[in-house]
Amino acid sequence: MVRLAEYRLVSQLGDSGTGTAHLARSPAGQVVVVKTVREPLAAEPLFRARYRWETEAARAVRGPFTAAVLDADPEAAVPWLAAEFCVGPSLSEAVAALGLPDPGALAAIGASLAGALTSIHATGLVHGDLKPANVVVTPAGPKVIDFGLAKAAMPGGGTPGTGEPAAEPVGSPGFMAPEQITHAVPAGAPADVFALGALLGLCATGRNPHGAGNAPHVIHRTLHEPPDLVGVPDQEWEAFLARCLAKSPYARPTVPEVLAWCVARATPYPWWEQEEVAALIHVHEESLAERLSAQEQD
């Protein structure tokens, strides 16, 4: 088994309540993201049991629109995993820079996201924090990242192998489903459909369907007000996104239904292969190369 010490950490990418992410080189020289768990969490038996199960499930996720988990050691003193590093702008950055996609391109984005969720849900995981920053537009299409930190979609919300309740999925205001906020029912695959609907609404109009502002205001609108879908391409899109953003998880379409709906309307020429998108991706590729060169020469 590859050890964490064999990875060359280049620079820190981020820090969260659960651990730290680093840009790194694998022993074979591949550019990856290495995520380590905070030691106090690693010392908690229930957290480690859940992390072990989730890591195994995340390594089984395979699909063209998900970032592959390449290696992991959930038994190490400091548990860690290494994932494919996806180079490109976030979905929201691409839309802000290039303008709103046309209906066919919007459907292609929806199909890719639904395809990613299909791959993730097939292993028993839910993402739980699908948001613009967790969708990177690459030359191969949109890639969903950070599903390795998802929570298990187990019947009754239990943590595998422990008999204990699982922690609720992490979420972000504006993309969190109502059940993630109220805990009225366990948050499963329908919560990811809600987040997908919010992402498509953002791409279609340039606005989050639940508005901007501080978290309490966005959460209030998520729970009590209809989504703002003014400006979506047509009434068909408005009805579809309204279903995805239904307050009740039972009223939302399933991921296979979302996938079929979007595939039927997607342009045959992927949005991410257009010259303007490819040029923006290239800027990110050059920036990464410069960053690696500068930091590896220090």
Protein backbone atom coordinates (compact mmCIF):
# COMPACT_ATOMS: atom_id res chain seq x y z
CA MET A 1 0.00 0.00 0.00
CA VAL A 2 1.17 3.51 -0.82
CA ARG A 3 1.85 5.59 2.27
CA LEU A 4 1.00 9.24 2.79
CA ALA A 5 4.71 10.01 3.20
CA GLU A 6 5.26 8.94 -0.43
CA TYR A 7 3.11 11.84 -1.66
CA ARG A 8 4.89 15.15 -2.12
CA LEU A 9 2.70 17.92 -0.74
CA VAL A 10 3.06 21.07 -2.84
CA SER A 11 0.72 23.60 -1.22
CA GLN A 12 -2.36 23.82 0.97
CA LEU A 13 -5.64 24.18 -0.90
CA GLY A 14 -8.04 24.50 1.98
CA ASP A 15 -8.89 23.78 5.59
CA SER A 16 -12.20 22.62 7.04
CA GLY A 17 -13.68 21.29 10.22
CA THR A 18 -12.79 17.74 9.24
CA GLY A 19 -9.32 18.15 7.77
CA THR A 20 -6.93 19.74 5.31
CA ALA A 21 -6.58 19.48 1.53
CA HIS A 22 -3.23 19.79 -0.24
CA LEU A 23 -2.18 20.00 -3.86
CA ALA A 24 0.31 17.16 -4.19
CA ARG A 25 2.28 14.86 -6.46
CA SER A 26 1.69 11.12 -6.28
CA PRO A 27 4.68 8.75 -6.18
CA ALA A 28 4.23 8.41 -9.97
CA GLY A 29 4.19 12.19 -10.45
CA GLN A 30 0.44 12.68 -11.00
CA VAL A 31 -1.04 15.94 -9.72
CA VAL A 32 -3.62 15.05 -7.05
CA VAL A 33 -5.49 16.40 -4.06
CA VAL A 34 -4.54 14.81 -0.75
CA LYS A 35 -7.05 15.19 2.08
CA THR A 36 -6.12 14.37 5.64
CA VAL A 37 -8.42 14.06 8.66
CA ARG A 38 -7.90 16.03 11.85
CA GLU A 39 -6.35 13.87 14.57
CA PRO A 40 -9.09 14.50 17.20
CA LEU A 41 -11.71 13.23 14.73
CA ALA A 42 -9.55 10.26 13.76
CA ALA A 43 -9.49 9.26 17.43
CA GLU A 44 -13.29 8.96 17.56
CA PRO A 45 -14.37 5.36 16.82
CA LEU A 46 -17.70 6.32 15.25
CA PHE A 47 -16.11 8.90 12.95
CA ARG A 48 -13.40 6.48 11.89
CA ALA A 49 -15.94 3.73 11.19
CA ARG A 50 -17.99 6.08 9.04
CA TYR A 51 -14.89 7.42 7.29
CA ARG A 52 -13.72 3.87 6.56
CA TRP A 53 -17.04 2.97 4.92
CA GLU A 54 -17.30 6.23 2.98
CA THR A 55 -13.73 5.95 1.70
CA GLU A 56 -14.34 2.43 0.43
CA ALA A 57 -17.54 3.58 -1.27
CA ALA A 58 -15.89 6.66 -2.79
CA ARG A 59 -13.12 4.53 -4.28
CA ALA A 60 -15.80 2.49 -6.04
CA VAL A 61 -17.32 5.55 -7.76
CA ARG A 62 -16.59 5.39 -11.47
CA GLY A 63 -17.87 7.74 -14.12
CA PRO A 64 -16.78 10.36 -16.64
CA PHE A 65 -18.21 13.22 -14.58
CA THR A 66 -16.73 12.44 -11.15
CA ALA A 67 -13.22 13.01 -9.83
CA ALA A 68 -11.70 9.60 -9.13
CA VAL A 69 -10.51 8.70 -5.65
CA LEU A 70 -7.12 7.16 -6.43
CA ASP A 71 -5.80 5.94 -3.10
CA ALA A 72 -6.64 6.06 0.60
CA ASP A 73 -5.69 4.70 3.99
CA PRO A 74 -8.58 5.01 6.45
CA GLU A 75 -6.65 2.91 9.00
CA ALA A 76 -3.64 5.24 9.23
CA ALA A 77 -3.01 7.25 12.40
CA VAL A 78 -4.00 10.24 10.27
CA PRO A 79 -6.58 8.90 7.79
CA TRP A 80 -6.18 10.27 4.26
CA LEU A 81 -7.27 9.93 0.68
CA ALA A 82 -5.84 11.06 -2.66
CA ALA A 83 -8.19 12.16 -5.44
CA GLU A 84 -7.84 13.27 -9.04
CA PHE A 85 -7.10 17.00 -9.28
CA CYS A 86 -9.52 18.59 -11.74
CA VAL A 87 -8.16 21.61 -13.59
CA GLY A 88 -10.59 24.27 -14.77
CA PRO A 89 -13.00 26.96 -13.61
CA SER A 90 -15.87 26.25 -11.27
CA LEU A 91 -19.25 25.99 -12.93
CA SER A 92 -20.33 29.40 -11.62
CA GLU A 93 -17.05 31.01 -12.74
CA ALA A 94 -17.50 29.62 -16.25
CA VAL A 95 -21.07 30.92 -16.47
CA ALA A 96 -20.09 34.33 -15.08
CA ALA A 97 -17.22 34.66 -17.56
CA LEU A 98 -18.93 33.30 -20.65
CA GLY A 99 -22.58 34.17 -20.21
CA LEU A 100 -25.68 32.09 -19.64
CA PRO A 101 -25.78 28.80 -21.58
CA ASP A 102 -28.52 28.26 -24.14
CA PRO A 103 -31.21 25.64 -23.38
CA GLY A 104 -29.36 22.81 -25.15
CA ALA A 105 -26.12 23.57 -23.31
CA LEU A 106 -28.02 23.91 -20.02
CA ALA A 107 -29.51 20.46 -20.59
CA ALA A 108 -26.04 19.07 -21.34
CA ILE A 109 -24.80 20.46 -18.01
CA GLY A 110 -27.80 18.89 -16.26
CA ALA A 111 -27.16 15.53 -17.94
CA SER A 112 -23.51 15.53 -16.84
CA LEU A 113 -24.43 16.38 -13.24
CA ALA A 114 -27.15 13.73 -13.17
CA GLY A 115 -24.64 11.25 -14.60
CA ALA A 116 -22.22 12.10 -11.81
CA LEU A 117 -24.93 11.62 -9.17
CA THR A 118 -25.86 8.28 -10.73
CA SER A 119 -22.27 7.09 -10.24
CA ILE A 120 -22.13 8.38 -6.67
CA HIS A 121 -25.50 7.01 -5.59
CA ALA A 122 -24.70 3.58 -7.06
CA THR A 123 -22.17 3.07 -4.25
CA GLY A 124 -24.62 4.02 -1.48
CA LEU A 125 -23.26 7.54 -1.00
CA VAL A 126 -25.04 10.84 -1.31
CA HIS A 127 -23.03 13.95 -2.07
CA GLY A 128 -24.83 16.27 0.32
CA ASP A 129 -22.91 19.40 -0.70
CA LEU A 130 -23.37 19.78 -4.45
CA LYS A 131 -22.67 23.46 -5.17
CA PRO A 132 -20.82 25.55 -7.78
CA ALA A 133 -17.44 25.21 -6.09
CA ASN A 134 -17.80 21.41 -6.19
CA VAL A 135 -18.32 21.30 -9.96
CA VAL A 136 -15.18 21.94 -12.04
CA VAL A 137 -15.43 22.42 -15.80
CA THR A 138 -12.61 20.39 -17.41
CA PRO A 139 -11.78 19.51 -21.05
CA ALA A 140 -13.64 16.22 -20.45
CA GLY A 141 -16.71 18.01 -19.14
CA PRO A 142 -18.03 19.05 -15.72
CA LYS A 143 -16.54 16.99 -12.89
CA VAL A 144 -18.18 16.68 -9.48
CA ILE A 145 -15.64 16.71 -6.66
CA ASP A 146 -15.65 16.19 -2.88
CA PHE A 147 -18.15 13.33 -2.84
CA GLY A 148 -15.63 11.39 -0.74
CA LEU A 149 -16.80 13.53 2.19
CA ALA A 150 -20.43 12.59 1.65
CA LYS A 151 -22.51 10.74 4.18
CA ALA A 152 -23.85 7.23 3.80
CA ALA A 153 -27.32 6.91 2.32
CA MET A 154 -28.29 4.06 4.60
CA PRO A 155 -31.86 3.00 5.45
CA GLY A 156 -32.81 4.89 8.58
CA GLY A 157 -29.73 7.10 8.32
CA GLY A 158 -27.46 4.70 10.20
CA THR A 159 -23.69 4.61 9.97
CA PRO A 160 -22.54 1.34 8.38
CA GLY A 161 -21.21 -1.20 10.82
CA THR A 162 -21.92 0.83 13.96
CA GLY A 163 -25.64 0.77 14.61
CA GLU A 164 -25.37 4.48 15.37
CA PRO A 165 -27.07 7.38 13.58
CA ALA A 166 -25.05 8.96 10.79
CA ALA A 167 -24.24 12.64 10.84
CA GLU A 168 -26.31 14.73 8.49
CA PRO A 169 -24.73 15.59 5.13
CA VAL A 170 -22.81 18.81 4.94
CA GLY A 171 -24.63 21.47 2.94
CA SER A 172 -24.40 25.05 1.72
CA PRO A 173 -27.22 27.62 2.01
CA GLY A 174 -28.98 28.05 -1.30
CA PHE A 175 -28.21 24.48 -2.31
CA MET A 176 -29.26 22.64 0.86
CA ALA A 177 -32.58 20.85 0.60
CA PRO A 178 -35.21 21.65 3.24
CA GLU A 179 -34.76 18.24 4.88
CA GLN A 180 -31.06 18.99 5.38
CA ILE A 181 -32.08 22.06 7.34
CA THR A 182 -35.00 20.69 9.35
CA HIS A 183 -33.86 17.05 9.67
CA ALA A 184 -37.52 16.09 9.18
CA VAL A 185 -36.41 13.05 7.16
CA PRO A 186 -32.95 11.63 6.44
CA ALA A 187 -31.29 13.50 3.59
CA GLY A 188 -30.70 11.11 0.71
CA ALA A 189 -30.64 11.16 -3.07
CA PRO A 190 -33.55 13.68 -3.32
CA ALA A 191 -31.38 16.24 -1.51
CA ASP A 192 -28.83 15.95 -4.32
CA VAL A 193 -31.63 16.46 -6.88
CA PHE A 194 -32.59 19.66 -5.05
CA ALA A 195 -28.99 20.91 -5.23
CA LEU A 196 -28.80 19.98 -8.91
CA GLY A 197 -31.96 22.01 -9.54
CA ALA A 198 -30.48 25.00 -7.72
CA LEU A 199 -27.29 24.72 -9.79
CA LEU A 200 -29.23 24.62 -13.06
CA GLY A 201 -31.33 27.56 -11.90
CA LEU A 202 -28.14 29.51 -11.21
CA CYS A 203 -26.75 28.61 -14.64
CA ALA A 204 -30.01 29.55 -16.38
CA THR A 205 -30.54 32.95 -14.75
CA GLY A 206 -27.25 33.96 -13.13
CA ARG A 207 -29.03 34.00 -9.73
CA ASN A 208 -29.48 31.43 -7.00
CA PRO A 209 -33.17 30.45 -6.97
CA HIS A 210 -33.23 31.09 -3.22
CA GLY A 211 -31.64 34.50 -3.42
CA ALA A 212 -28.50 36.08 -2.07
CA GLY A 213 -27.62 37.52 1.31
CA ASN A 214 -26.77 36.04 4.67
CA ALA A 215 -27.35 32.39 5.47
CA PRO A 216 -30.45 32.82 7.70
CA HIS A 217 -32.27 34.76 4.98
CA VAL A 218 -31.39 32.22 2.29
CA ILE A 219 -32.44 29.35 4.56
CA HIS A 220 -35.74 31.08 5.34
CA ARG A 221 -36.49 31.45 1.63
CA THR A 222 -35.51 27.82 1.02
CA LEU A 223 -38.01 26.66 3.61
CA HIS A 224 -40.88 29.08 3.09
CA GLU A 225 -40.79 30.75 -0.33
CA PRO A 226 -41.05 29.41 -3.89
CA PRO A 227 -37.82 29.44 -5.89
CA ASP A 228 -37.11 32.43 -8.10
CA LEU A 229 -37.10 30.99 -11.63
CA VAL A 230 -37.74 34.21 -13.55
CA GLY A 231 -35.58 34.14 -16.67
CA VAL A 232 -35.29 30.37 -17.20
CA PRO A 233 -35.50 29.43 -20.90
CA ASP A 234 -39.22 28.57 -21.09
CA GLN A 235 -42.23 27.19 -19.22
CA GLU A 236 -41.04 23.63 -19.68
CA TRP A 237 -37.77 24.43 -17.92
CA GLU A 238 -39.61 26.37 -15.23
CA ALA A 239 -41.86 23.39 -14.47
CA PHE A 240 -38.92 20.98 -14.46
CA LEU A 241 -36.77 23.07 -12.12
CA ALA A 242 -39.75 23.74 -9.84
CA ARG A 243 -40.13 19.96 -9.44
CA CYS A 244 -36.42 19.56 -8.65
CA LEU A 245 -36.73 22.34 -6.06
CA ALA A 246 -39.92 21.04 -4.45
CA LYS A 247 -39.97 21.46 -0.66
CA SER A 248 -40.90 17.80 -0.18
CA PRO A 249 -38.24 15.25 -1.21
CA TYR A 250 -41.06 12.94 -2.33
CA ALA A 251 -42.25 15.46 -4.93
CA ARG A 252 -38.90 15.70 -6.73
CA PRO A 253 -37.96 13.65 -9.78
CA THR A 254 -35.49 10.82 -9.30
CA VAL A 255 -31.95 11.11 -10.62
CA PRO A 256 -32.74 8.72 -13.54
CA GLU A 257 -35.73 10.93 -14.41
CA VAL A 258 -33.56 14.05 -14.34
CA LEU A 259 -30.95 12.33 -16.50
CA ALA A 260 -33.51 11.22 -19.10
CA TRP A 261 -35.18 14.66 -19.20
CA CYS A 262 -31.86 16.46 -19.74
CA VAL A 263 -30.43 13.96 -22.24
CA ALA A 264 -33.53 14.37 -24.42
CA ARG A 265 -32.88 18.14 -24.66
CA ALA A 266 -29.09 18.36 -24.62
CA THR A 267 -27.14 19.79 -27.53
CA PRO A 268 -25.12 17.18 -29.45
CA TYR A 269 -22.07 19.44 -29.18
CA PRO A 270 -21.00 19.72 -25.52
CA TRP A 271 -20.92 23.21 -24.10
CA TRP A 272 -17.51 22.63 -22.53
CA GLU A 273 -15.96 21.92 -25.96
CA GLN A 274 -16.84 25.35 -27.30
CA GLU A 275 -13.87 27.58 -28.06
CA GLU A 276 -14.63 30.14 -25.33
CA VAL A 277 -14.95 27.48 -22.63
CA ALA A 278 -11.83 25.66 -23.81
CA ALA A 279 -9.88 28.95 -23.68
CA LEU A 280 -10.98 29.57 -20.08
CA ILE A 281 -9.98 26.03 -19.10
CA HIS A 282 -6.58 26.60 -20.73
CA VAL A 283 -6.03 29.68 -18.56
CA HIS A 284 -6.52 27.49 -15.48
CA GLU A 285 -4.18 24.83 -16.87
CA GLU A 286 -1.44 27.42 -17.41
CA SER A 287 -2.00 28.85 -13.93
CA LEU A 288 -1.62 25.40 -12.38
CA ALA A 289 1.57 24.74 -14.34
CA GLU A 290 3.07 28.05 -13.17
CA ARG A 291 2.05 27.37 -9.57
CA LEU A 292 3.59 23.90 -9.60
CA SER A 293 6.77 25.16 -11.23
CA ALA A 294 7.21 28.02 -8.75
CA GLN A 295 6.51 25.99 -5.63
CA GLU A 296 8.45 22.91 -6.65
CA GLN A 297 11.55 24.99 -7.36
CA ASP A 298 11.54 26.54 -3.86
